[in-house]
Amino acid sequence: MMKQQTKSFFILTALLAAGILLIYSASHLLLLRGFIAIEDKEIKQNVKRIQEALTDDLHKLDLLTFDWAVWDDTSKFIQDQNEDYIKANLYDESLVRIKVDLIVYINPSGKIVYKKAYDFRNHKPQPFPDDFAKHLTPQSTLVNHPDVNHSILSIVLLNDVPLLFSSRPIVTSDQKGPIRGTLIAGRYLNAAEINQLAEIIHLPFTLHRLDKDKD
């Protein structure tokens, strides 16, 4: 009888242990799935915050470009390239104040009549990027605006550094046509710009080229 009770005890203990192990395994799996779901949700939320920060940065750059493109003085300059406009608006510290790394003026025929590149963060001149200039042909959509309210906001990769840029049609201060040309302003999305955006959204991040993974 004692042996039978002992045997039953061990069987009951084994079943109980198996049940506990099964419950633990199921709970662990549920918790693991829960953590993965939470992590996945946080990643998506963080990516969305970064996208929104970049979009906001582009829109601020576009507002600046609009402010300069819709201006009687700019409309006059694109026609006569007068030195007074350059001296009053396109000196080095002016680009530092508006926080742009390059600015380009293109006439209606698609010819660049003025361009300037300046590292506004480090306060020093820099060469105008040829790989951006090659996109500014008379046939390019970047310099052909269908109407006075048209704008182009985009990012282009120049020597492995992204450039945020805005292209706007040059018109008079009252936004009247005809379109007199195109104004493009750009800002590099370099490490300093990324750090500034990270501070704004309180989320450190880096950019990585997906096509580099293929190398």
N, C-alpha and C. Protein backbone atom coordinates (compact mmCIF):
# COMPACT_ATOMS: atom_id res chain seq x y z
N MET A 1 0.84 -1.20 0.00
CA MET A 1 0.00 0.00 0.00
C MET A 1 0.87 1.24 0.00
N MET A 2 1.93 1.17 0.79
CA MET A 2 2.83 2.31 0.91
C MET A 2 3.53 2.58 -0.42
N LYS A 3 3.91 1.43 -1.06
CA LYS A 3 4.58 1.58 -2.34
C LYS A 3 3.65 2.19 -3.38
N GLN A 4 2.35 1.79 -3.30
CA GLN A 4 1.37 2.31 -4.25
C GLN A 4 1.17 3.81 -4.04
N GLN A 5 1.13 4.25 -2.75
CA GLN A 5 0.97 5.67 -2.44
C GLN A 5 2.19 6.47 -2.91
N THR A 6 3.37 5.84 -2.68
CA THR A 6 4.61 6.52 -3.11
C THR A 6 4.65 6.67 -4.62
N LYS A 7 4.22 5.59 -5.30
CA LYS A 7 4.20 5.62 -6.76
C LYS A 7 3.23 6.68 -7.27
N SER A 8 2.03 6.73 -6.64
CA SER A 8 1.03 7.71 -7.03
C SER A 8 1.53 9.12 -6.77
N PHE A 9 2.27 9.31 -5.68
CA PHE A 9 2.81 10.63 -5.33
C PHE A 9 3.79 11.12 -6.39
N PHE A 10 4.67 10.19 -6.79
CA PHE A 10 5.67 10.56 -7.80
C PHE A 10 5.01 10.86 -9.14
N ILE A 11 3.98 10.08 -9.49
CA ILE A 11 3.27 10.33 -10.74
C ILE A 11 2.58 11.69 -10.70
N LEU A 12 1.93 11.97 -9.56
CA LEU A 12 1.24 13.25 -9.40
C LEU A 12 2.23 14.41 -9.44
N THR A 13 3.38 14.23 -8.81
CA THR A 13 4.42 15.26 -8.79
C THR A 13 4.96 15.51 -10.20
N ALA A 14 5.15 14.41 -10.94
CA ALA A 14 5.66 14.52 -12.30
C ALA A 14 4.67 15.26 -13.19
N LEU A 15 3.38 14.92 -13.04
CA LEU A 15 2.35 15.59 -13.82
C LEU A 15 2.26 17.07 -13.48
N LEU A 16 2.36 17.36 -12.16
CA LEU A 16 2.30 18.74 -11.71
C LEU A 16 3.49 19.54 -12.26
N ALA A 17 4.68 18.91 -12.20
CA ALA A 17 5.88 19.57 -12.71
C ALA A 17 5.76 19.82 -14.21
N ALA A 18 5.23 18.81 -14.92
CA ALA A 18 5.05 18.96 -16.36
C ALA A 18 4.06 20.07 -16.67
N GLY A 19 2.99 20.13 -15.85
CA GLY A 19 2.00 21.19 -16.04
C GLY A 19 2.58 22.56 -15.80
N ILE A 20 3.37 22.70 -14.73
CA ILE A 20 4.01 23.98 -14.42
C ILE A 20 4.97 24.38 -15.54
N LEU A 21 5.75 23.39 -16.04
CA LEU A 21 6.71 23.65 -17.13
C LEU A 21 5.96 24.10 -18.38
N LEU A 22 4.84 23.46 -18.66
CA LEU A 22 4.04 23.83 -19.83
C LEU A 22 3.50 25.23 -19.70
N ILE A 23 2.99 25.55 -18.50
CA ILE A 23 2.46 26.90 -18.25
C ILE A 23 3.57 27.94 -18.36
N TYR A 24 4.76 27.60 -17.79
CA TYR A 24 5.90 28.52 -17.86
C TYR A 24 6.33 28.76 -19.30
N SER A 25 6.40 27.65 -20.07
CA SER A 25 6.82 27.77 -21.46
C SER A 25 5.84 28.62 -22.25
N ALA A 26 4.54 28.37 -22.04
CA ALA A 26 3.52 29.15 -22.73
C ALA A 26 3.59 30.61 -22.32
N SER A 27 3.76 30.87 -21.01
CA SER A 27 3.85 32.24 -20.51
C SER A 27 5.08 32.94 -21.06
N HIS A 28 6.19 32.20 -21.07
CA HIS A 28 7.45 32.77 -21.58
C HIS A 28 7.30 33.14 -23.05
N LEU A 29 6.63 32.25 -23.81
CA LEU A 29 6.42 32.51 -25.23
C LEU A 29 5.53 33.73 -25.43
N LEU A 30 4.48 33.84 -24.61
CA LEU A 30 3.58 34.98 -24.70
C LEU A 30 4.30 36.28 -24.33
N LEU A 31 5.11 36.20 -23.26
CA LEU A 31 5.87 37.39 -22.83
C LEU A 31 6.88 37.79 -23.90
N LEU A 32 7.55 36.79 -24.48
CA LEU A 32 8.54 37.06 -25.52
C LEU A 32 7.88 37.73 -26.72
N ARG A 33 6.72 37.18 -27.12
CA ARG A 33 5.99 37.77 -28.23
C ARG A 33 5.55 39.19 -27.88
N GLY A 34 5.16 39.38 -26.61
CA GLY A 34 4.74 40.71 -26.16
C GLY A 34 5.87 41.70 -26.23
N PHE A 35 7.07 41.27 -25.79
CA PHE A 35 8.23 42.16 -25.83
C PHE A 35 8.62 42.48 -27.27
N ILE A 36 8.56 41.47 -28.16
CA ILE A 36 8.88 41.69 -29.56
C ILE A 36 7.90 42.68 -30.17
N ALA A 37 6.62 42.51 -29.82
CA ALA A 37 5.59 43.43 -30.34
C ALA A 37 5.82 44.84 -29.85
N ILE A 38 6.18 44.98 -28.56
CA ILE A 38 6.45 46.31 -27.99
C ILE A 38 7.66 46.93 -28.67
N GLU A 39 8.71 46.12 -28.84
CA GLU A 39 9.93 46.62 -29.47
C GLU A 39 9.65 47.04 -30.91
N ASP A 40 8.90 46.22 -31.63
CA ASP A 40 8.55 46.53 -33.02
C ASP A 40 7.74 47.82 -33.10
N LYS A 41 6.82 48.01 -32.15
CA LYS A 41 5.99 49.22 -32.12
C LYS A 41 6.85 50.44 -31.84
N GLU A 42 7.80 50.31 -30.90
CA GLU A 42 8.68 51.43 -30.56
C GLU A 42 9.57 51.81 -31.74
N ILE A 43 10.06 50.79 -32.46
CA ILE A 43 10.91 51.06 -33.62
C ILE A 43 10.13 51.83 -34.67
N LYS A 44 8.89 51.40 -34.94
CA LYS A 44 8.05 52.08 -35.93
C LYS A 44 7.76 53.51 -35.50
N GLN A 45 7.50 53.70 -34.20
CA GLN A 45 7.22 55.04 -33.69
C GLN A 45 8.45 55.94 -33.82
N ASN A 46 9.64 55.38 -33.51
CA ASN A 46 10.87 56.17 -33.60
C ASN A 46 11.19 56.53 -35.04
N VAL A 47 10.99 55.58 -35.96
CA VAL A 47 11.21 55.86 -37.38
C VAL A 47 10.27 56.96 -37.85
N LYS A 48 9.03 56.90 -37.40
CA LYS A 48 8.05 57.92 -37.76
C LYS A 48 8.47 59.28 -37.23
N ARG A 49 9.00 59.33 -36.00
CA ARG A 49 9.46 60.60 -35.43
C ARG A 49 10.60 61.18 -36.24
N ILE A 50 11.51 60.32 -36.68
CA ILE A 50 12.65 60.77 -37.48
C ILE A 50 12.17 61.29 -38.83
N GLN A 51 11.24 60.55 -39.46
CA GLN A 51 10.68 60.99 -40.74
C GLN A 51 9.98 62.33 -40.61
N GLU A 52 9.25 62.51 -39.53
CA GLU A 52 8.54 63.78 -39.31
C GLU A 52 9.53 64.92 -39.09
N ALA A 53 10.63 64.63 -38.38
CA ALA A 53 11.65 65.66 -38.14
C ALA A 53 12.31 66.08 -39.45
N LEU A 54 12.61 65.11 -40.32
CA LEU A 54 13.22 65.42 -41.62
C LEU A 54 12.24 66.20 -42.51
N THR A 55 10.99 65.78 -42.47
CA THR A 55 9.97 66.48 -43.26
C THR A 55 9.81 67.92 -42.79
N ASP A 56 9.81 68.10 -41.47
CA ASP A 56 9.69 69.45 -40.92
C ASP A 56 10.90 70.30 -41.30
N ASP A 57 12.08 69.70 -41.31
CA ASP A 57 13.30 70.41 -41.70
C ASP A 57 13.22 70.84 -43.16
N LEU A 58 12.70 69.96 -44.00
CA LEU A 58 12.53 70.29 -45.41
C LEU A 58 11.53 71.42 -45.62
N HIS A 59 10.44 71.38 -44.89
CA HIS A 59 9.41 72.42 -45.03
C HIS A 59 9.93 73.79 -44.56
N LYS A 60 10.74 73.79 -43.52
CA LYS A 60 11.33 75.05 -43.05
C LYS A 60 12.28 75.61 -44.12
N LEU A 61 13.04 74.73 -44.75
CA LEU A 61 13.93 75.16 -45.83
C LEU A 61 13.11 75.69 -47.00
N ASP A 62 11.98 75.05 -47.28
CA ASP A 62 11.12 75.48 -48.38
C ASP A 62 10.51 76.86 -48.10
N LEU A 63 10.14 77.11 -46.85
CA LEU A 63 9.59 78.42 -46.49
C LEU A 63 10.63 79.52 -46.71
N LEU A 64 11.87 79.20 -46.37
CA LEU A 64 12.96 80.15 -46.58
C LEU A 64 13.16 80.42 -48.07
N THR A 65 13.17 79.35 -48.86
CA THR A 65 13.34 79.49 -50.31
C THR A 65 12.21 80.30 -50.91
N PHE A 66 10.99 80.02 -50.46
CA PHE A 66 9.82 80.77 -50.92
C PHE A 66 9.98 82.26 -50.61
N ASP A 67 10.45 82.56 -49.40
CA ASP A 67 10.60 83.95 -48.97
C ASP A 67 11.56 84.72 -49.88
N TRP A 68 12.61 84.05 -50.31
CA TRP A 68 13.59 84.70 -51.18
C TRP A 68 13.17 84.70 -52.65
N ALA A 69 12.44 83.65 -53.07
CA ALA A 69 12.06 83.54 -54.48
C ALA A 69 10.91 84.47 -54.84
N VAL A 70 9.99 84.67 -53.89
CA VAL A 70 8.84 85.55 -54.14
C VAL A 70 9.19 86.95 -53.64
N TRP A 71 9.97 87.65 -54.42
CA TRP A 71 10.54 88.93 -53.98
C TRP A 71 10.91 89.76 -55.21
N ASP A 72 10.49 91.01 -55.23
CA ASP A 72 10.78 91.89 -56.37
C ASP A 72 12.28 92.02 -56.60
N ASP A 73 13.06 92.13 -55.52
CA ASP A 73 14.51 92.28 -55.66
C ASP A 73 15.13 91.06 -56.35
N THR A 74 14.64 89.86 -56.00
CA THR A 74 15.16 88.64 -56.63
C THR A 74 14.74 88.58 -58.10
N SER A 75 13.51 89.00 -58.37
CA SER A 75 13.03 89.03 -59.76
C SER A 75 13.88 89.96 -60.62
N LYS A 76 14.29 91.07 -60.03
CA LYS A 76 15.15 92.03 -60.76
C LYS A 76 16.55 91.45 -60.94
N PHE A 77 17.05 90.80 -59.89
CA PHE A 77 18.41 90.25 -59.93
C PHE A 77 18.56 89.16 -60.98
N ILE A 78 17.54 88.30 -61.12
CA ILE A 78 17.65 87.20 -62.08
C ILE A 78 17.72 87.73 -63.51
N GLN A 79 17.29 88.98 -63.70
CA GLN A 79 17.33 89.57 -65.04
C GLN A 79 18.61 90.35 -65.31
N ASP A 80 19.11 91.05 -64.25
CA ASP A 80 20.29 91.90 -64.51
C ASP A 80 21.53 91.53 -63.69
N GLN A 81 21.41 90.57 -62.77
CA GLN A 81 22.53 90.13 -61.90
C GLN A 81 23.29 91.32 -61.29
N ASN A 82 22.53 92.27 -60.77
CA ASN A 82 23.15 93.47 -60.23
C ASN A 82 23.96 93.18 -58.95
N GLU A 83 25.07 93.87 -58.82
CA GLU A 83 25.99 93.66 -57.70
C GLU A 83 25.39 94.10 -56.37
N ASP A 84 24.49 95.06 -56.41
CA ASP A 84 23.88 95.54 -55.17
C ASP A 84 23.13 94.40 -54.45
N TYR A 85 22.45 93.58 -55.21
CA TYR A 85 21.71 92.45 -54.62
C TYR A 85 22.68 91.46 -53.97
N ILE A 86 23.78 91.18 -54.66
CA ILE A 86 24.77 90.24 -54.14
C ILE A 86 25.38 90.77 -52.85
N LYS A 87 25.76 92.04 -52.85
CA LYS A 87 26.38 92.65 -51.67
C LYS A 87 25.41 92.70 -50.48
N ALA A 88 24.14 92.94 -50.78
CA ALA A 88 23.16 93.10 -49.71
C ALA A 88 22.63 91.78 -49.17
N ASN A 89 22.65 90.72 -50.00
CA ASN A 89 21.97 89.49 -49.59
C ASN A 89 22.80 88.21 -49.64
N LEU A 90 23.86 88.20 -50.44
CA LEU A 90 24.56 86.94 -50.66
C LEU A 90 25.99 86.94 -50.11
N TYR A 91 26.23 87.73 -49.11
CA TYR A 91 27.54 87.70 -48.43
C TYR A 91 27.56 86.47 -47.51
N ASP A 92 28.76 86.12 -47.07
CA ASP A 92 28.93 84.86 -46.32
C ASP A 92 28.03 84.76 -45.09
N GLU A 93 28.05 85.79 -44.28
CA GLU A 93 27.28 85.73 -43.03
C GLU A 93 25.78 85.67 -43.27
N SER A 94 25.35 86.09 -44.45
CA SER A 94 23.93 86.00 -44.78
C SER A 94 23.51 84.53 -44.88
N LEU A 95 24.36 83.71 -45.48
CA LEU A 95 24.06 82.28 -45.58
C LEU A 95 24.16 81.60 -44.21
N VAL A 96 25.02 82.13 -43.36
CA VAL A 96 25.08 81.61 -41.99
C VAL A 96 23.77 81.91 -41.26
N ARG A 97 23.27 83.11 -41.46
CA ARG A 97 22.04 83.53 -40.78
C ARG A 97 20.84 82.70 -41.22
N ILE A 98 20.75 82.40 -42.51
CA ILE A 98 19.60 81.62 -42.98
C ILE A 98 19.88 80.11 -42.97
N LYS A 99 21.10 79.73 -42.59
CA LYS A 99 21.47 78.33 -42.40
C LYS A 99 21.31 77.48 -43.66
N VAL A 100 21.95 77.94 -44.73
CA VAL A 100 21.99 77.13 -45.95
C VAL A 100 23.45 76.96 -46.39
N ASP A 101 23.71 75.82 -47.02
CA ASP A 101 25.06 75.53 -47.50
C ASP A 101 25.27 75.92 -48.95
N LEU A 102 24.18 76.06 -49.68
CA LEU A 102 24.32 76.50 -51.07
C LEU A 102 23.04 77.19 -51.54
N ILE A 103 23.23 78.05 -52.53
CA ILE A 103 22.09 78.75 -53.13
C ILE A 103 22.39 78.95 -54.62
N VAL A 104 21.36 78.78 -55.46
CA VAL A 104 21.54 78.83 -56.91
C VAL A 104 20.41 79.65 -57.54
N TYR A 105 20.78 80.51 -58.48
CA TYR A 105 19.80 81.28 -59.25
C TYR A 105 19.89 80.86 -60.72
N ILE A 106 18.76 80.49 -61.29
CA ILE A 106 18.72 79.98 -62.66
C ILE A 106 17.69 80.79 -63.47
N ASN A 107 18.08 81.26 -64.62
CA ASN A 107 17.17 82.10 -65.41
C ASN A 107 16.16 81.23 -66.17
N PRO A 108 15.18 81.82 -66.84
CA PRO A 108 14.13 81.04 -67.52
C PRO A 108 14.63 80.09 -68.61
N SER A 109 15.79 80.40 -69.17
CA SER A 109 16.33 79.52 -70.21
C SER A 109 17.10 78.33 -69.63
N GLY A 110 17.19 78.28 -68.29
CA GLY A 110 17.87 77.16 -67.64
C GLY A 110 19.34 77.40 -67.38
N LYS A 111 19.82 78.62 -67.55
CA LYS A 111 21.22 78.93 -67.31
C LYS A 111 21.43 79.39 -65.86
N ILE A 112 22.47 78.86 -65.23
CA ILE A 112 22.81 79.30 -63.88
C ILE A 112 23.47 80.67 -63.97
N VAL A 113 22.85 81.67 -63.36
CA VAL A 113 23.41 83.02 -63.42
C VAL A 113 24.16 83.36 -62.13
N TYR A 114 23.91 82.60 -61.07
CA TYR A 114 24.66 82.82 -59.83
C TYR A 114 24.55 81.56 -58.97
N LYS A 115 25.67 81.18 -58.37
CA LYS A 115 25.67 80.06 -57.43
C LYS A 115 26.71 80.31 -56.35
N LYS A 116 26.42 79.82 -55.18
CA LYS A 116 27.33 80.03 -54.06
C LYS A 116 27.21 78.86 -53.10
N ALA A 117 28.35 78.37 -52.63
CA ALA A 117 28.37 77.31 -51.62
C ALA A 117 29.20 77.80 -50.44
N TYR A 118 28.66 77.62 -49.24
CA TYR A 118 29.35 78.11 -48.04
C TYR A 118 28.98 77.21 -46.87
N ASP A 119 30.00 76.74 -46.16
CA ASP A 119 29.78 75.90 -44.98
C ASP A 119 29.36 76.81 -43.83
N PHE A 120 28.04 76.93 -43.62
CA PHE A 120 27.55 77.91 -42.65
C PHE A 120 27.87 77.51 -41.21
N ARG A 121 28.07 76.23 -40.96
CA ARG A 121 28.37 75.79 -39.59
C ARG A 121 29.81 76.11 -39.20
N ASN A 122 30.72 75.94 -40.16
CA ASN A 122 32.13 76.19 -39.89
C ASN A 122 32.62 77.52 -40.43
N HIS A 123 31.71 78.30 -41.00
CA HIS A 123 32.02 79.64 -41.48
C HIS A 123 33.20 79.65 -42.46
N LYS A 124 33.08 78.84 -43.52
CA LYS A 124 34.15 78.85 -44.51
C LYS A 124 33.60 78.49 -45.89
N PRO A 125 34.19 79.08 -46.94
CA PRO A 125 33.73 78.78 -48.29
C PRO A 125 33.98 77.31 -48.64
N GLN A 126 33.19 76.79 -49.55
CA GLN A 126 33.40 75.45 -50.05
C GLN A 126 33.03 75.41 -51.52
N PRO A 127 33.61 74.51 -52.29
CA PRO A 127 33.30 74.46 -53.73
C PRO A 127 31.86 74.05 -53.97
N PHE A 128 31.27 74.63 -54.99
CA PHE A 128 29.91 74.24 -55.34
C PHE A 128 29.96 72.82 -55.90
N PRO A 129 29.10 71.92 -55.40
CA PRO A 129 29.17 70.51 -55.83
C PRO A 129 28.79 70.30 -57.29
N ASP A 130 29.75 69.82 -58.07
CA ASP A 130 29.51 69.57 -59.49
C ASP A 130 28.43 68.51 -59.70
N ASP A 131 28.38 67.52 -58.78
CA ASP A 131 27.40 66.45 -58.95
C ASP A 131 25.98 66.93 -58.67
N PHE A 132 25.83 68.12 -58.08
CA PHE A 132 24.50 68.70 -57.96
C PHE A 132 24.22 69.59 -59.18
N ALA A 133 25.24 70.31 -59.61
CA ALA A 133 25.08 71.19 -60.77
C ALA A 133 24.65 70.41 -62.02
N LYS A 134 25.09 69.16 -62.12
CA LYS A 134 24.74 68.38 -63.31
C LYS A 134 23.25 68.05 -63.37
N HIS A 135 22.57 68.18 -62.22
CA HIS A 135 21.12 67.95 -62.20
C HIS A 135 20.34 69.20 -62.65
N LEU A 136 21.04 70.31 -62.78
CA LEU A 136 20.36 71.58 -63.05
C LEU A 136 20.43 71.96 -64.53
N THR A 137 20.11 71.03 -65.37
CA THR A 137 20.09 71.29 -66.81
C THR A 137 18.77 71.97 -67.18
N PRO A 138 18.73 72.63 -68.34
CA PRO A 138 17.48 73.28 -68.76
C PRO A 138 16.29 72.32 -68.85
N GLN A 139 16.56 71.03 -69.08
CA GLN A 139 15.49 70.05 -69.21
C GLN A 139 15.05 69.46 -67.86
N SER A 140 15.81 69.74 -66.82
CA SER A 140 15.53 69.15 -65.51
C SER A 140 14.21 69.66 -64.92
N THR A 141 13.50 68.77 -64.25
CA THR A 141 12.26 69.17 -63.57
C THR A 141 12.55 70.13 -62.42
N LEU A 142 13.80 70.15 -61.96
CA LEU A 142 14.17 71.03 -60.84
C LEU A 142 14.13 72.50 -61.22
N VAL A 143 14.22 72.78 -62.51
CA VAL A 143 14.23 74.19 -62.94
C VAL A 143 13.06 74.53 -63.85
N ASN A 144 12.10 73.63 -63.93
CA ASN A 144 10.91 73.86 -64.76
C ASN A 144 9.65 73.77 -63.91
N HIS A 145 9.18 74.92 -63.48
CA HIS A 145 7.99 74.98 -62.64
C HIS A 145 6.76 75.30 -63.48
N PRO A 146 5.71 74.47 -63.38
CA PRO A 146 4.52 74.68 -64.20
C PRO A 146 3.68 75.90 -63.81
N ASP A 147 3.80 76.34 -62.56
CA ASP A 147 3.03 77.51 -62.13
C ASP A 147 3.75 78.20 -60.97
N VAL A 148 3.27 79.36 -60.60
CA VAL A 148 3.95 80.20 -59.60
C VAL A 148 3.92 79.60 -58.20
N ASN A 149 2.99 78.69 -57.93
CA ASN A 149 2.88 78.10 -56.61
C ASN A 149 3.60 76.76 -56.47
N HIS A 150 4.23 76.35 -57.56
CA HIS A 150 4.89 75.04 -57.57
C HIS A 150 6.16 75.05 -56.72
N SER A 151 6.47 73.90 -56.11
CA SER A 151 7.72 73.76 -55.36
C SER A 151 8.19 72.32 -55.42
N ILE A 152 9.48 72.13 -55.27
CA ILE A 152 10.06 70.79 -55.24
C ILE A 152 10.90 70.68 -53.97
N LEU A 153 10.58 69.71 -53.14
CA LEU A 153 11.34 69.42 -51.92
C LEU A 153 11.92 68.03 -52.07
N SER A 154 13.21 67.89 -51.86
CA SER A 154 13.79 66.57 -52.06
C SER A 154 15.13 66.44 -51.33
N ILE A 155 15.70 65.25 -51.43
CA ILE A 155 17.01 64.95 -50.86
C ILE A 155 17.83 64.27 -51.94
N VAL A 156 19.05 64.73 -52.15
CA VAL A 156 19.93 64.12 -53.13
C VAL A 156 21.24 63.76 -52.43
N LEU A 157 21.83 62.64 -52.83
CA LEU A 157 23.07 62.19 -52.21
C LEU A 157 24.26 62.74 -52.98
N LEU A 158 25.11 63.53 -52.30
CA LEU A 158 26.29 64.11 -52.92
C LEU A 158 27.53 63.66 -52.16
N ASN A 159 28.35 62.85 -52.81
CA ASN A 159 29.57 62.34 -52.16
C ASN A 159 29.25 61.70 -50.80
N ASP A 160 28.22 60.88 -50.79
CA ASP A 160 27.79 60.13 -49.60
C ASP A 160 27.20 61.02 -48.51
N VAL A 161 26.96 62.30 -48.79
CA VAL A 161 26.32 63.19 -47.82
C VAL A 161 24.98 63.66 -48.41
N PRO A 162 23.86 63.40 -47.74
CA PRO A 162 22.57 63.85 -48.26
C PRO A 162 22.47 65.38 -48.23
N LEU A 163 21.83 65.92 -49.26
CA LEU A 163 21.56 67.35 -49.32
C LEU A 163 20.05 67.56 -49.35
N LEU A 164 19.53 68.28 -48.36
CA LEU A 164 18.14 68.69 -48.39
C LEU A 164 18.05 69.93 -49.27
N PHE A 165 17.10 69.97 -50.18
CA PHE A 165 17.01 71.18 -51.01
C PHE A 165 15.55 71.48 -51.37
N SER A 166 15.34 72.75 -51.68
CA SER A 166 14.03 73.23 -52.12
C SER A 166 14.23 74.05 -53.38
N SER A 167 13.34 73.86 -54.34
CA SER A 167 13.37 74.61 -55.59
C SER A 167 12.05 75.36 -55.73
N ARG A 168 12.14 76.66 -55.98
CA ARG A 168 10.95 77.51 -56.10
C ARG A 168 11.05 78.41 -57.33
N PRO A 169 9.91 78.70 -57.97
CA PRO A 169 9.93 79.64 -59.09
C PRO A 169 10.13 81.07 -58.59
N ILE A 170 10.91 81.84 -59.30
CA ILE A 170 11.13 83.25 -58.96
C ILE A 170 10.02 84.09 -59.58
N VAL A 171 9.31 84.82 -58.73
CA VAL A 171 8.23 85.70 -59.18
C VAL A 171 8.29 86.99 -58.37
N THR A 172 7.38 87.89 -58.65
CA THR A 172 7.35 89.17 -57.92
C THR A 172 6.79 88.98 -56.51
N SER A 173 6.91 90.01 -55.71
CA SER A 173 6.48 89.93 -54.32
C SER A 173 4.99 89.65 -54.17
N ASP A 174 4.19 90.03 -55.18
CA ASP A 174 2.76 89.74 -55.13
C ASP A 174 2.42 88.42 -55.81
N GLN A 175 3.45 87.59 -56.05
CA GLN A 175 3.31 86.25 -56.63
C GLN A 175 2.66 86.27 -58.03
N LYS A 176 3.02 87.28 -58.78
CA LYS A 176 2.51 87.38 -60.14
C LYS A 176 3.52 86.83 -61.14
N GLY A 177 3.01 86.17 -62.19
CA GLY A 177 3.86 85.69 -63.25
C GLY A 177 4.16 86.81 -64.25
N PRO A 178 4.93 86.54 -65.26
CA PRO A 178 5.42 85.21 -65.59
C PRO A 178 6.57 84.78 -64.67
N ILE A 179 6.86 83.48 -64.66
CA ILE A 179 7.97 82.96 -63.85
C ILE A 179 9.28 83.46 -64.45
N ARG A 180 10.09 84.05 -63.62
CA ARG A 180 11.32 84.70 -64.09
C ARG A 180 12.56 83.83 -63.90
N GLY A 181 12.40 82.64 -63.36
CA GLY A 181 13.54 81.77 -63.14
C GLY A 181 13.30 80.85 -61.95
N THR A 182 14.38 80.29 -61.43
CA THR A 182 14.29 79.33 -60.32
C THR A 182 15.34 79.65 -59.26
N LEU A 183 14.92 79.54 -58.03
CA LEU A 183 15.83 79.68 -56.89
C LEU A 183 15.87 78.36 -56.15
N ILE A 184 17.09 77.87 -55.90
CA ILE A 184 17.28 76.62 -55.16
C ILE A 184 18.18 76.89 -53.96
N ALA A 185 17.75 76.44 -52.79
CA ALA A 185 18.56 76.54 -51.58
C ALA A 185 18.74 75.15 -51.00
N GLY A 186 19.93 74.87 -50.47
CA GLY A 186 20.20 73.53 -49.95
C GLY A 186 20.96 73.55 -48.63
N ARG A 187 20.74 72.49 -47.86
CA ARG A 187 21.44 72.33 -46.59
C ARG A 187 21.87 70.87 -46.45
N TYR A 188 23.14 70.63 -46.15
CA TYR A 188 23.64 69.27 -46.01
C TYR A 188 23.07 68.59 -44.76
N LEU A 189 22.66 67.35 -44.92
CA LEU A 189 22.21 66.55 -43.78
C LEU A 189 23.42 65.79 -43.25
N ASN A 190 24.36 66.57 -42.71
CA ASN A 190 25.60 65.97 -42.18
C ASN A 190 25.43 65.61 -40.71
N ALA A 191 26.53 65.20 -40.08
CA ALA A 191 26.47 64.76 -38.68
C ALA A 191 25.95 65.86 -37.76
N ALA A 192 26.36 67.10 -38.01
CA ALA A 192 25.92 68.21 -37.16
C ALA A 192 24.42 68.44 -37.28
N GLU A 193 23.89 68.35 -38.51
CA GLU A 193 22.46 68.54 -38.73
C GLU A 193 21.66 67.40 -38.10
N ILE A 194 22.18 66.18 -38.23
CA ILE A 194 21.52 65.01 -37.63
C ILE A 194 21.48 65.14 -36.12
N ASN A 195 22.60 65.58 -35.53
CA ASN A 195 22.65 65.75 -34.06
C ASN A 195 21.65 66.81 -33.60
N GLN A 196 21.50 67.86 -34.39
CA GLN A 196 20.55 68.91 -34.03
C GLN A 196 19.11 68.38 -34.08
N LEU A 197 18.80 67.60 -35.12
CA LEU A 197 17.48 67.01 -35.22
C LEU A 197 17.24 66.02 -34.08
N ALA A 198 18.29 65.26 -33.72
CA ALA A 198 18.17 64.29 -32.63
C ALA A 198 17.88 64.98 -31.31
N GLU A 199 18.48 66.14 -31.10
CA GLU A 199 18.21 66.90 -29.87
C GLU A 199 16.78 67.41 -29.84
N ILE A 200 16.26 67.80 -31.00
CA ILE A 200 14.90 68.33 -31.06
C ILE A 200 13.88 67.26 -30.72
N ILE A 201 14.06 66.05 -31.25
CA ILE A 201 13.09 64.97 -31.01
C ILE A 201 13.49 64.07 -29.84
N HIS A 202 14.63 64.41 -29.19
CA HIS A 202 15.11 63.64 -28.03
C HIS A 202 15.29 62.17 -28.39
N LEU A 203 15.89 61.93 -29.55
CA LEU A 203 16.10 60.56 -30.00
C LEU A 203 17.36 60.50 -30.87
N PRO A 204 18.45 59.96 -30.36
CA PRO A 204 19.67 59.86 -31.17
C PRO A 204 19.45 58.87 -32.32
N PHE A 205 19.96 59.23 -33.50
CA PHE A 205 19.83 58.33 -34.63
C PHE A 205 20.96 58.59 -35.62
N THR A 206 21.16 57.63 -36.50
CA THR A 206 22.13 57.76 -37.58
C THR A 206 21.44 57.33 -38.88
N LEU A 207 21.99 57.75 -40.00
CA LEU A 207 21.47 57.35 -41.30
C LEU A 207 22.41 56.31 -41.90
N HIS A 208 21.82 55.34 -42.56
CA HIS A 208 22.61 54.26 -43.15
C HIS A 208 22.11 53.96 -44.56
N ARG A 209 23.01 53.89 -45.51
CA ARG A 209 22.65 53.57 -46.89
C ARG A 209 22.39 52.09 -47.02
N LEU A 210 21.18 51.73 -47.43
CA LEU A 210 20.82 50.32 -47.60
C LEU A 210 21.60 49.66 -48.73
N ASP A 211 21.91 50.43 -49.77
CA ASP A 211 22.63 49.82 -50.89
C ASP A 211 24.06 49.45 -50.54
N LYS A 212 24.57 50.02 -49.43
CA LYS A 212 25.92 49.66 -49.00
C LYS A 212 25.98 48.23 -48.51
N ASP A 213 24.84 47.69 -48.05
CA ASP A 213 24.80 46.32 -47.56
C ASP A 213 25.09 45.30 -48.66
N LYS A 214 24.93 45.75 -49.91
CA LYS A 214 25.14 44.84 -51.02
C LYS A 214 26.61 44.67 -51.35
N ASP A 215 27.44 45.59 -50.82
CA ASP A 215 28.88 45.53 -51.14
C ASP A 215 29.55 44.37 -50.41
